[in-house]
């Protein structure tokens, strides 16, 4: 895994969009997805891992009770992938990680927390095309037959009915990317997708290293964070857009009118 440090706003764009050219179709179609974090010391641990304690055993209970008490709020479904998507979307600790196809959304999440402005941020950049090489053979064949590089909830549901089956498809640990259904404007506007690992105790960054998946870490130094943040605001990459509704509007206004913290 390579690590690059952006020297300026322009250099950051070069790093994020590098590798976008697809010679086969003569278009700029990036094979990368992005995850922005406000502190470069943050790894790719899931919210389930950060729960601590006996979290592998708690995963089943968390999801079971979410389905039990939350079914009145959503369309009934038997798909574990649909329920995991909804649970992650509403803040339940899960084994999913949020990613985006948009470099600018990645930049937003790396700079939105102005309380972390004195710390370097980081954007993880992962080649989701290359990640398919480590999939179980049945999954890989099905994805190739569909002509895609990322799973859908429906496709995953056809392949694996529950998390136990997902874990047992391969002896070696693996991970995959899948696109959630467009349940609301947040998922649509954030150009979102999720990663999920077959083993809830293994962080995705470890699997990236183990499987030698093409990926990079791009550091946003604290010294250019405010410039990046202000230019994203001017480009309308804000909470008001990414989190439609009054809550997102309030977060944007609070940050927009907050004084700049010391250098």
C-alpha atoms as a PDB file:
ATOM      1  CA  UNK A   1       0.000   0.000   0.000  1.00  0.00           C
ATOM      2  CA  UNK A   2       1.407   3.343  -1.039  1.00  0.00           C
ATOM      3  CA  UNK A   3       0.947   6.559   0.924  1.00  0.00           C
ATOM      4  CA  UNK A   4       1.029   9.966  -0.753  1.00  0.00           C
ATOM      5  CA  UNK A   5       0.875  13.416   0.820  1.00  0.00           C
ATOM      6  CA  UNK A   6      -0.972  16.171  -1.014  1.00  0.00           C
ATOM      7  CA  UNK A   7       1.116  19.325  -1.252  1.00  0.00           C
ATOM      8  CA  UNK A   8      -1.713  21.589  -2.417  1.00  0.00           C
ATOM      9  CA  UNK A   9      -5.341  21.642  -3.580  1.00  0.00           C
ATOM     10  CA  UNK A  10      -4.210  21.018  -7.180  1.00  0.00           C
ATOM     11  CA  UNK A  11      -1.920  18.169  -6.143  1.00  0.00           C
ATOM     12  CA  UNK A  12      -4.767  16.584  -4.174  1.00  0.00           C
ATOM     13  CA  UNK A  13      -6.932  16.521  -7.316  1.00  0.00           C
ATOM     14  CA  UNK A  14      -4.092  14.889  -9.261  1.00  0.00           C
ATOM     15  CA  UNK A  15      -3.685  12.165  -6.640  1.00  0.00           C
ATOM     16  CA  UNK A  16      -7.399  11.437  -6.343  1.00  0.00           C
ATOM     17  CA  UNK A  17      -8.132  11.338 -10.073  1.00  0.00           C
ATOM     18  CA  UNK A  18      -4.931   9.486 -11.053  1.00  0.00           C
ATOM     19  CA  UNK A  19      -5.733   6.230 -12.840  1.00  0.00           C
ATOM     20  CA  UNK A  20      -9.110   7.414 -14.136  1.00  0.00           C
ATOM     21  CA  UNK A  21      -8.313   7.031 -17.837  1.00  0.00           C
ATOM     22  CA  UNK A  22      -9.775   3.860 -19.359  1.00  0.00           C
ATOM     23  CA  UNK A  23      -8.054   3.272 -22.689  1.00  0.00           C
ATOM     24  CA  UNK A  24     -10.448   0.466 -23.664  1.00  0.00           C
ATOM     25  CA  UNK A  25     -13.404   2.844 -23.918  1.00  0.00           C
ATOM     26  CA  UNK A  26     -11.541   6.120 -24.376  1.00  0.00           C
ATOM     27  CA  UNK A  27     -13.222   7.672 -21.319  1.00  0.00           C
ATOM     28  CA  UNK A  28     -12.242   8.830 -17.849  1.00  0.00           C
ATOM     29  CA  UNK A  29     -13.935   6.137 -15.752  1.00  0.00           C
ATOM     30  CA  UNK A  30     -12.120   5.619 -12.469  1.00  0.00           C
ATOM     31  CA  UNK A  31     -11.923   2.088 -11.013  1.00  0.00           C
ATOM     32  CA  UNK A  32     -11.440   3.558  -7.526  1.00  0.00           C
ATOM     33  CA  UNK A  33     -13.677   4.191  -4.540  1.00  0.00           C
ATOM     34  CA  UNK A  34     -12.876   6.525  -1.644  1.00  0.00           C
ATOM     35  CA  UNK A  35     -13.275   6.823   2.106  1.00  0.00           C
ATOM     36  CA  UNK A  36     -12.345  10.078   3.837  1.00  0.00           C
ATOM     37  CA  UNK A  37     -11.369  10.291   7.514  1.00  0.00           C
ATOM     38  CA  UNK A  38     -10.593  13.444   9.484  1.00  0.00           C
ATOM     39  CA  UNK A  39      -7.599  11.888  11.286  1.00  0.00           C
ATOM     40  CA  UNK A  40      -4.881  10.027   9.372  1.00  0.00           C
ATOM     41  CA  UNK A  41      -4.423   7.686  12.343  1.00  0.00           C
ATOM     42  CA  UNK A  42      -7.881   6.197  11.762  1.00  0.00           C
ATOM     43  CA  UNK A  43      -7.836   2.744  10.213  1.00  0.00           C
ATOM     44  CA  UNK A  44     -10.600   0.841   8.466  1.00  0.00           C
ATOM     45  CA  UNK A  45     -12.196  -0.687  11.529  1.00  0.00           C
ATOM     46  CA  UNK A  46     -15.966  -1.016  11.380  1.00  0.00           C
ATOM     47  CA  UNK A  47     -18.423   0.474  13.846  1.00  0.00           C
ATOM     48  CA  UNK A  48     -19.033  -3.081  15.071  1.00  0.00           C
ATOM     49  CA  UNK A  49     -15.335  -3.462  15.925  1.00  0.00           C
ATOM     50  CA  UNK A  50     -15.314  -0.114  17.701  1.00  0.00           C
ATOM     51  CA  UNK A  51     -18.187  -1.317  19.868  1.00  0.00           C
ATOM     52  CA  UNK A  52     -15.658  -3.467  21.722  1.00  0.00           C
ATOM     53  CA  UNK A  53     -16.377  -6.306  24.103  1.00  0.00           C
ATOM     54  CA  UNK A  54     -17.678  -9.530  22.599  1.00  0.00           C
ATOM     55  CA  UNK A  55     -18.740  -7.763  19.432  1.00  0.00           C
ATOM     56  CA  UNK A  56     -18.578 -10.820  17.095  1.00  0.00           C
ATOM     57  CA  UNK A  57     -21.184 -12.529  19.254  1.00  0.00           C
ATOM     58  CA  UNK A  58     -23.223  -9.340  19.622  1.00  0.00           C
ATOM     59  CA  UNK A  59     -23.610  -8.776  15.875  1.00  0.00           C
ATOM     60  CA  UNK A  60     -26.455 -11.297  15.579  1.00  0.00           C
ATOM     61  CA  UNK A  61     -28.313  -9.816  18.554  1.00  0.00           C
ATOM     62  CA  UNK A  62     -27.921  -6.253  17.302  1.00  0.00           C
ATOM     63  CA  UNK A  63     -29.369  -7.089  13.895  1.00  0.00           C
ATOM     64  CA  UNK A  64     -32.079  -9.385  15.295  1.00  0.00           C
ATOM     65  CA  UNK A  65     -33.388  -6.699  17.616  1.00  0.00           C
ATOM     66  CA  UNK A  66     -33.092  -4.011  14.950  1.00  0.00           C
ATOM     67  CA  UNK A  67     -35.348  -6.108  12.717  1.00  0.00           C
ATOM     68  CA  UNK A  68     -37.664  -6.901  15.617  1.00  0.00           C
ATOM     69  CA  UNK A  69     -38.247  -3.336  16.721  1.00  0.00           C
ATOM     70  CA  UNK A  70     -37.686  -1.502  13.446  1.00  0.00           C
ATOM     71  CA  UNK A  71     -39.807  -3.445  10.998  1.00  0.00           C
ATOM     72  CA  UNK A  72     -42.706  -0.964  11.183  1.00  0.00           C
ATOM     73  CA  UNK A  73     -40.471   1.756   9.755  1.00  0.00           C
ATOM     74  CA  UNK A  74     -39.320  -0.078   6.639  1.00  0.00           C
ATOM     75  CA  UNK A  75     -40.648  -2.309   3.916  1.00  0.00           C
ATOM     76  CA  UNK A  76     -40.570  -5.922   5.197  1.00  0.00           C
ATOM     77  CA  UNK A  77     -37.849  -8.049   3.631  1.00  0.00           C
ATOM     78  CA  UNK A  78     -36.015 -11.263   4.395  1.00  0.00           C
ATOM     79  CA  UNK A  79     -32.738 -10.072   2.886  1.00  0.00           C
ATOM     80  CA  UNK A  80     -29.989  -9.735   5.472  1.00  0.00           C
ATOM     81  CA  UNK A  81     -28.201  -7.365   3.078  1.00  0.00           C
ATOM     82  CA  UNK A  82     -31.157  -5.017   2.974  1.00  0.00           C
ATOM     83  CA  UNK A  83     -31.406  -4.988   6.766  1.00  0.00           C
ATOM     84  CA  UNK A  84     -27.659  -4.448   7.158  1.00  0.00           C
ATOM     85  CA  UNK A  85     -27.860  -1.522   4.752  1.00  0.00           C
ATOM     86  CA  UNK A  86     -30.721   0.111   6.658  1.00  0.00           C
ATOM     87  CA  UNK A  87     -29.044  -0.572  10.009  1.00  0.00           C
ATOM     88  CA  UNK A  88     -25.738   0.956   8.911  1.00  0.00           C
ATOM     89  CA  UNK A  89     -27.554   3.904   7.379  1.00  0.00           C
ATOM     90  CA  UNK A  90     -29.233   4.669  10.705  1.00  0.00           C
ATOM     91  CA  UNK A  91     -26.195   4.268  12.943  1.00  0.00           C
ATOM     92  CA  UNK A  92     -26.379   0.681  14.217  1.00  0.00           C
ATOM     93  CA  UNK A  93     -22.917  -0.868  14.695  1.00  0.00           C
ATOM     94  CA  UNK A  94     -22.385  -3.258  11.760  1.00  0.00           C
ATOM     95  CA  UNK A  95     -19.554  -4.906   9.856  1.00  0.00           C
ATOM     96  CA  UNK A  96     -20.142  -2.524   6.920  1.00  0.00           C
ATOM     97  CA  UNK A  97     -17.938   0.430   5.975  1.00  0.00           C
ATOM     98  CA  UNK A  98     -19.147   3.454   4.000  1.00  0.00           C
ATOM     99  CA  UNK A  99     -17.387   4.329   0.728  1.00  0.00           C
ATOM    100  CA  UNK A 100     -18.124   6.642  -2.181  1.00  0.00           C
ATOM    101  CA  UNK A 101     -17.406   6.748  -5.883  1.00  0.00           C
ATOM    102  CA  UNK A 102     -16.848  10.516  -5.554  1.00  0.00           C
ATOM    103  CA  UNK A 103     -13.393  11.902  -4.702  1.00  0.00           C
ATOM    104  CA  UNK A 104     -15.092  15.133  -3.598  1.00  0.00           C
ATOM    105  CA  UNK A 105     -17.357  13.338  -1.139  1.00  0.00           C
ATOM    106  CA  UNK A 106     -14.238  11.614   0.191  1.00  0.00           C
ATOM    107  CA  UNK A 107     -12.642  15.037   0.651  1.00  0.00           C
ATOM    108  CA  UNK A 108     -15.746  16.257   2.454  1.00  0.00           C
ATOM    109  CA  UNK A 109     -15.582  13.550   5.104  1.00  0.00           C
ATOM    110  CA  UNK A 110     -11.847  14.103   5.544  1.00  0.00           C
ATOM    111  CA  UNK A 111     -12.361  17.823   6.299  1.00  0.00           C
ATOM    112  CA  UNK A 112     -15.919  18.224   7.663  1.00  0.00           C
ATOM    113  CA  UNK A 113     -14.941  17.906  11.334  1.00  0.00           C
ATOM    114  CA  UNK A 114     -13.304  21.271  11.956  1.00  0.00           C
ATOM    115  CA  UNK A 115     -12.518  20.116  15.487  1.00  0.00           C
ATOM    116  CA  UNK A 116      -9.887  17.907  13.824  1.00  0.00           C
ATOM    117  CA  UNK A 117      -8.483  20.686  11.634  1.00  0.00           C
ATOM    118  CA  UNK A 118      -5.107  20.574  13.389  1.00  0.00           C
ATOM    119  CA  UNK A 119      -4.676  16.918  12.444  1.00  0.00           C
ATOM    120  CA  UNK A 120      -3.818  15.483   9.055  1.00  0.00           C
ATOM    121  CA  UNK A 121      -6.741  13.856   7.278  1.00  0.00           C
ATOM    122  CA  UNK A 122      -6.641  10.836   5.004  1.00  0.00           C
ATOM    123  CA  UNK A 123      -8.548   9.494   2.020  1.00  0.00           C
ATOM    124  CA  UNK A 124      -8.370   5.777   1.343  1.00  0.00           C
ATOM    125  CA  UNK A 125      -8.439   5.026  -2.399  1.00  0.00           C
ATOM    126  CA  UNK A 126      -9.208   1.413  -3.359  1.00  0.00           C
ATOM    127  CA  UNK A 127      -9.458  -0.182  -6.783  1.00  0.00           C
ATOM    128  CA  UNK A 128     -12.786  -1.997  -6.594  1.00  0.00           C
ATOM    129  CA  UNK A 129     -12.154  -3.678  -9.956  1.00  0.00           C
ATOM    130  CA  UNK A 130      -8.941  -5.199  -8.616  1.00  0.00           C
ATOM    131  CA  UNK A 131     -10.661  -6.264  -5.383  1.00  0.00           C
ATOM    132  CA  UNK A 132     -12.716  -8.826  -7.340  1.00  0.00           C
ATOM    133  CA  UNK A 133      -9.660 -11.074  -7.758  1.00  0.00           C
ATOM    134  CA  UNK A 134      -9.880 -12.280  -4.132  1.00  0.00           C
ATOM    135  CA  UNK A 135     -13.586 -13.212  -4.228  1.00  0.00           C
ATOM    136  CA  UNK A 136     -14.775 -16.813  -3.877  1.00  0.00           C
ATOM    137  CA  UNK A 137     -14.987 -18.448  -7.301  1.00  0.00           C
ATOM    138  CA  UNK A 138     -18.807 -18.699  -7.306  1.00  0.00           C
ATOM    139  CA  UNK A 139     -19.128 -15.011  -6.501  1.00  0.00           C
ATOM    140  CA  UNK A 140     -16.554 -14.038  -9.088  1.00  0.00           C
ATOM    141  CA  UNK A 141     -18.268 -16.035 -11.837  1.00  0.00           C
ATOM    142  CA  UNK A 142     -21.670 -14.576 -11.001  1.00  0.00           C
ATOM    143  CA  UNK A 143     -20.324 -11.025 -10.980  1.00  0.00           C
ATOM    144  CA  UNK A 144     -18.582 -11.575 -14.312  1.00  0.00           C
ATOM    145  CA  UNK A 145     -21.803 -13.003 -15.768  1.00  0.00           C
ATOM    146  CA  UNK A 146     -23.612  -9.846 -14.673  1.00  0.00           C
ATOM    147  CA  UNK A 147     -20.915  -7.731 -16.324  1.00  0.00           C
ATOM    148  CA  UNK A 148     -20.248  -5.769 -13.128  1.00  0.00           C
ATOM    149  CA  UNK A 149     -17.533  -5.111 -10.575  1.00  0.00           C
ATOM    150  CA  UNK A 150     -19.768  -4.313  -7.597  1.00  0.00           C
ATOM    151  CA  UNK A 151     -22.593  -6.369  -6.142  1.00  0.00           C
ATOM    152  CA  UNK A 152     -26.169  -5.253  -5.641  1.00  0.00           C
ATOM    153  CA  UNK A 153     -28.356  -6.250  -2.701  1.00  0.00           C
ATOM    154  CA  UNK A 154     -30.446  -8.449  -4.992  1.00  0.00           C
ATOM    155  CA  UNK A 155     -27.397 -10.218  -6.399  1.00  0.00           C
ATOM    156  CA  UNK A 156     -25.956 -10.856  -2.945  1.00  0.00           C
ATOM    157  CA  UNK A 157     -29.307 -12.153  -1.738  1.00  0.00           C
ATOM    158  CA  UNK A 158     -29.348 -14.700  -4.579  1.00  0.00           C
ATOM    159  CA  UNK A 159     -25.845 -15.871  -3.665  1.00  0.00           C
ATOM    160  CA  UNK A 160     -25.935 -15.944   0.152  1.00  0.00           C
ATOM    161  CA  UNK A 161     -28.980 -16.018   2.373  1.00  0.00           C
ATOM    162  CA  UNK A 162     -27.363 -15.063   5.686  1.00  0.00           C
ATOM    163  CA  UNK A 163     -24.078 -14.026   7.292  1.00  0.00           C
ATOM    164  CA  UNK A 164     -23.188 -17.593   8.279  1.00  0.00           C
ATOM    165  CA  UNK A 165     -23.312 -18.658   4.635  1.00  0.00           C
ATOM    166  CA  UNK A 166     -21.330 -15.559   3.679  1.00  0.00           C
ATOM    167  CA  UNK A 167     -18.571 -16.457   6.152  1.00  0.00           C
ATOM    168  CA  UNK A 168     -18.415 -20.074   4.998  1.00  0.00           C
ATOM    169  CA  UNK A 169     -18.147 -19.465   1.252  1.00  0.00           C
ATOM    170  CA  UNK A 170     -14.355 -19.390   1.422  1.00  0.00           C
ATOM    171  CA  UNK A 171     -11.749 -20.722   3.854  1.00  0.00           C
ATOM    172  CA  UNK A 172      -9.717 -17.540   3.506  1.00  0.00           C
ATOM    173  CA  UNK A 173     -11.057 -14.192   4.704  1.00  0.00           C
ATOM    174  CA  UNK A 174     -12.295 -11.925   1.905  1.00  0.00           C
ATOM    175  CA  UNK A 175     -14.266  -8.734   1.361  1.00  0.00           C
ATOM    176  CA  UNK A 176     -16.471  -7.228  -1.307  1.00  0.00           C
ATOM    177  CA  UNK A 177     -18.160  -3.989  -2.318  1.00  0.00           C
ATOM    178  CA  UNK A 178     -21.895  -3.654  -2.846  1.00  0.00           C
ATOM    179  CA  UNK A 179     -24.265  -0.847  -3.712  1.00  0.00           C
ATOM    180  CA  UNK A 180     -27.185  -0.190  -1.368  1.00  0.00           C
ATOM    181  CA  UNK A 181     -30.704   0.456  -2.638  1.00  0.00           C
ATOM    182  CA  UNK A 182     -31.486   4.155  -3.042  1.00  0.00           C
ATOM    183  CA  UNK A 183     -33.577   4.359   0.114  1.00  0.00           C
ATOM    184  CA  UNK A 184     -33.151   8.127   0.473  1.00  0.00           C
ATOM    185  CA  UNK A 185     -31.314  11.224  -0.730  1.00  0.00           C
ATOM    186  CA  UNK A 186     -28.283  10.629   1.480  1.00  0.00           C
ATOM    187  CA  UNK A 187     -27.285   7.441  -0.316  1.00  0.00           C
ATOM    188  CA  UNK A 188     -27.979   8.988  -3.718  1.00  0.00           C
ATOM    189  CA  UNK A 189     -26.166  12.283  -3.107  1.00  0.00           C
ATOM    190  CA  UNK A 190     -23.181  10.674  -1.425  1.00  0.00           C
ATOM    191  CA  UNK A 191     -22.747   8.301  -4.407  1.00  0.00           C
ATOM    192  CA  UNK A 192     -22.436   5.634  -1.744  1.00  0.00           C
ATOM    193  CA  UNK A 193     -21.492   1.987  -1.563  1.00  0.00           C
ATOM    194  CA  UNK A 194     -20.401  -0.352   1.229  1.00  0.00           C
ATOM    195  CA  UNK A 195     -17.618  -2.821   1.861  1.00  0.00           C
ATOM    196  CA  UNK A 196     -18.228  -5.936   3.929  1.00  0.00           C
ATOM    197  CA  UNK A 197     -15.756  -8.546   5.171  1.00  0.00           C
ATOM    198  CA  UNK A 198     -16.501 -12.244   5.560  1.00  0.00           C
ATOM    199  CA  UNK A 199     -14.902 -12.173   9.009  1.00  0.00           C
ATOM    200  CA  UNK A 200     -16.256  -9.480  11.368  1.00  0.00           C
ATOM    201  CA  UNK A 201     -13.009  -9.479  13.356  1.00  0.00           C
ATOM    202  CA  UNK A 202     -10.725  -8.601  10.412  1.00  0.00           C
ATOM    203  CA  UNK A 203     -10.333  -4.958   9.360  1.00  0.00           C
ATOM    204  CA  UNK A 204     -10.541  -4.164   5.655  1.00  0.00           C
ATOM    205  CA  UNK A 205      -7.102  -2.526   5.618  1.00  0.00           C
ATOM    206  CA  UNK A 206      -5.612  -5.842   6.722  1.00  0.00           C
ATOM    207  CA  UNK A 207      -7.459  -7.620   3.929  1.00  0.00           C
ATOM    208  CA  UNK A 208      -6.305  -5.030   1.405  1.00  0.00           C
ATOM    209  CA  UNK A 209      -2.735  -5.765   2.426  1.00  0.00           C
ATOM    210  CA  UNK A 210      -3.210  -9.527   2.572  1.00  0.00           C
ATOM    211  CA  UNK A 211      -4.867  -9.749  -0.846  1.00  0.00           C
ATOM    212  CA  UNK A 212      -2.511  -7.162  -2.394  1.00  0.00           C
ATOM    213  CA  UNK A 213      -5.444  -5.162  -3.697  1.00  0.00           C
ATOM    214  CA  UNK A 214      -4.481  -1.962  -5.515  1.00  0.00           C
ATOM    215  CA  UNK A 215      -4.984   0.838  -2.990  1.00  0.00           C
ATOM    216  CA  UNK A 216      -3.464   4.054  -1.675  1.00  0.00           C
ATOM    217  CA  UNK A 217      -3.633   6.330   1.337  1.00  0.00           C
ATOM    218  CA  UNK A 218      -3.694  10.035   0.435  1.00  0.00           C
ATOM    219  CA  UNK A 219      -2.799  12.329   3.311  1.00  0.00           C
ATOM    220  CA  UNK A 220      -4.367  15.793   3.514  1.00  0.00           C
ATOM    221  CA  UNK A 221      -1.971  17.804   5.718  1.00  0.00           C
ATOM    222  CA  UNK A 222      -3.519  19.988   8.391  1.00  0.00           C
ATOM    223  CA  UNK A 223      -1.926  22.988   6.681  1.00  0.00           C
ATOM    224  CA  UNK A 224      -4.196  22.742   3.621  1.00  0.00           C
ATOM    225  CA  UNK A 225      -7.336  21.374   5.285  1.00  0.00           C
ATOM    226  CA  UNK A 226      -9.055  24.772   5.569  1.00  0.00           C
ATOM    227  CA  UNK A 227      -8.374  25.577   1.932  1.00  0.00           C
ATOM    228  CA  UNK A 228      -9.804  22.224   0.876  1.00  0.00           C
ATOM    229  CA  UNK A 229     -12.818  22.744   3.134  1.00  0.00           C
ATOM    230  CA  UNK A 230     -13.597  26.242   1.867  1.00  0.00           C
ATOM    231  CA  UNK A 231     -13.263  25.237  -1.784  1.00  0.00           C
ATOM    232  CA  UNK A 232     -15.544  22.251  -1.254  1.00  0.00           C
ATOM    233  CA  UNK A 233     -18.117  24.579   0.296  1.00  0.00           C
ATOM    234  CA  UNK A 234     -17.897  26.843  -2.738  1.00  0.00           C
ATOM    235  CA  UNK A 235     -18.430  23.766  -4.953  1.00  0.00           C
ATOM    236  CA  UNK A 236     -21.555  22.929  -2.901  1.00  0.00           C
ATOM    237  CA  UNK A 237     -20.077  19.720  -1.449  1.00  0.00           C
ATOM    238  CA  UNK A 238     -21.641  20.275   1.969  1.00  0.00           C
ATOM    239  CA  UNK A 239     -23.806  18.620   4.601  1.00  0.00           C
ATOM    240  CA  UNK A 240     -26.781  20.502   3.139  1.00  0.00           C
ATOM    241  CA  UNK A 241     -26.425  18.416  -0.033  1.00  0.00           C
ATOM    242  CA  UNK A 242     -25.015  15.156   1.344  1.00  0.00           C
ATOM    243  CA  UNK A 243     -27.476  14.940   4.255  1.00  0.00           C
ATOM    244  CA  UNK A 244     -30.732  16.362   2.840  1.00  0.00           C
ATOM    245  CA  UNK A 245     -33.033  17.720   5.504  1.00  0.00           C
ATOM    246  CA  UNK A 246     -32.919  20.017   8.510  1.00  0.00           C
ATOM    247  CA  UNK A 247     -30.211  18.070  10.333  1.00  0.00           C
ATOM    248  CA  UNK A 248     -27.780  18.353   7.432  1.00  0.00           C
ATOM    249  CA  UNK A 249     -28.695  22.007   6.959  1.00  0.00           C
ATOM    250  CA  UNK A 250     -28.004  22.703  10.638  1.00  0.00           C
ATOM    251  CA  UNK A 251     -24.631  20.928  10.564  1.00  0.00           C
ATOM    252  CA  UNK A 252     -23.603  22.900   7.490  1.00  0.00           C
ATOM    253  CA  UNK A 253     -24.643  26.250   8.981  1.00  0.00           C
ATOM    254  CA  UNK A 254     -22.907  25.518  12.285  1.00  0.00           C
ATOM    255  CA  UNK A 255     -19.634  24.649  10.544  1.00  0.00           C
ATOM    256  CA  UNK A 256     -19.937  27.460   7.990  1.00  0.00           C
ATOM    257  CA  UNK A 257     -20.240  30.132  10.672  1.00  0.00           C
ATOM    258  CA  UNK A 258     -17.738  28.669  13.128  1.00  0.00           C
ATOM    259  CA  UNK A 259     -14.521  30.660  13.568  1.00  0.00           C
ATOM    260  CA  UNK A 260     -11.367  29.156  12.213  1.00  0.00           C
ATOM    261  CA  UNK A 261      -9.351  27.309  14.806  1.00  0.00           C
ATOM    262  CA  UNK A 262      -5.706  28.347  15.302  1.00  0.00           C
ATOM    263  CA  UNK A 263      -3.114  27.088  12.849  1.00  0.00           C
END
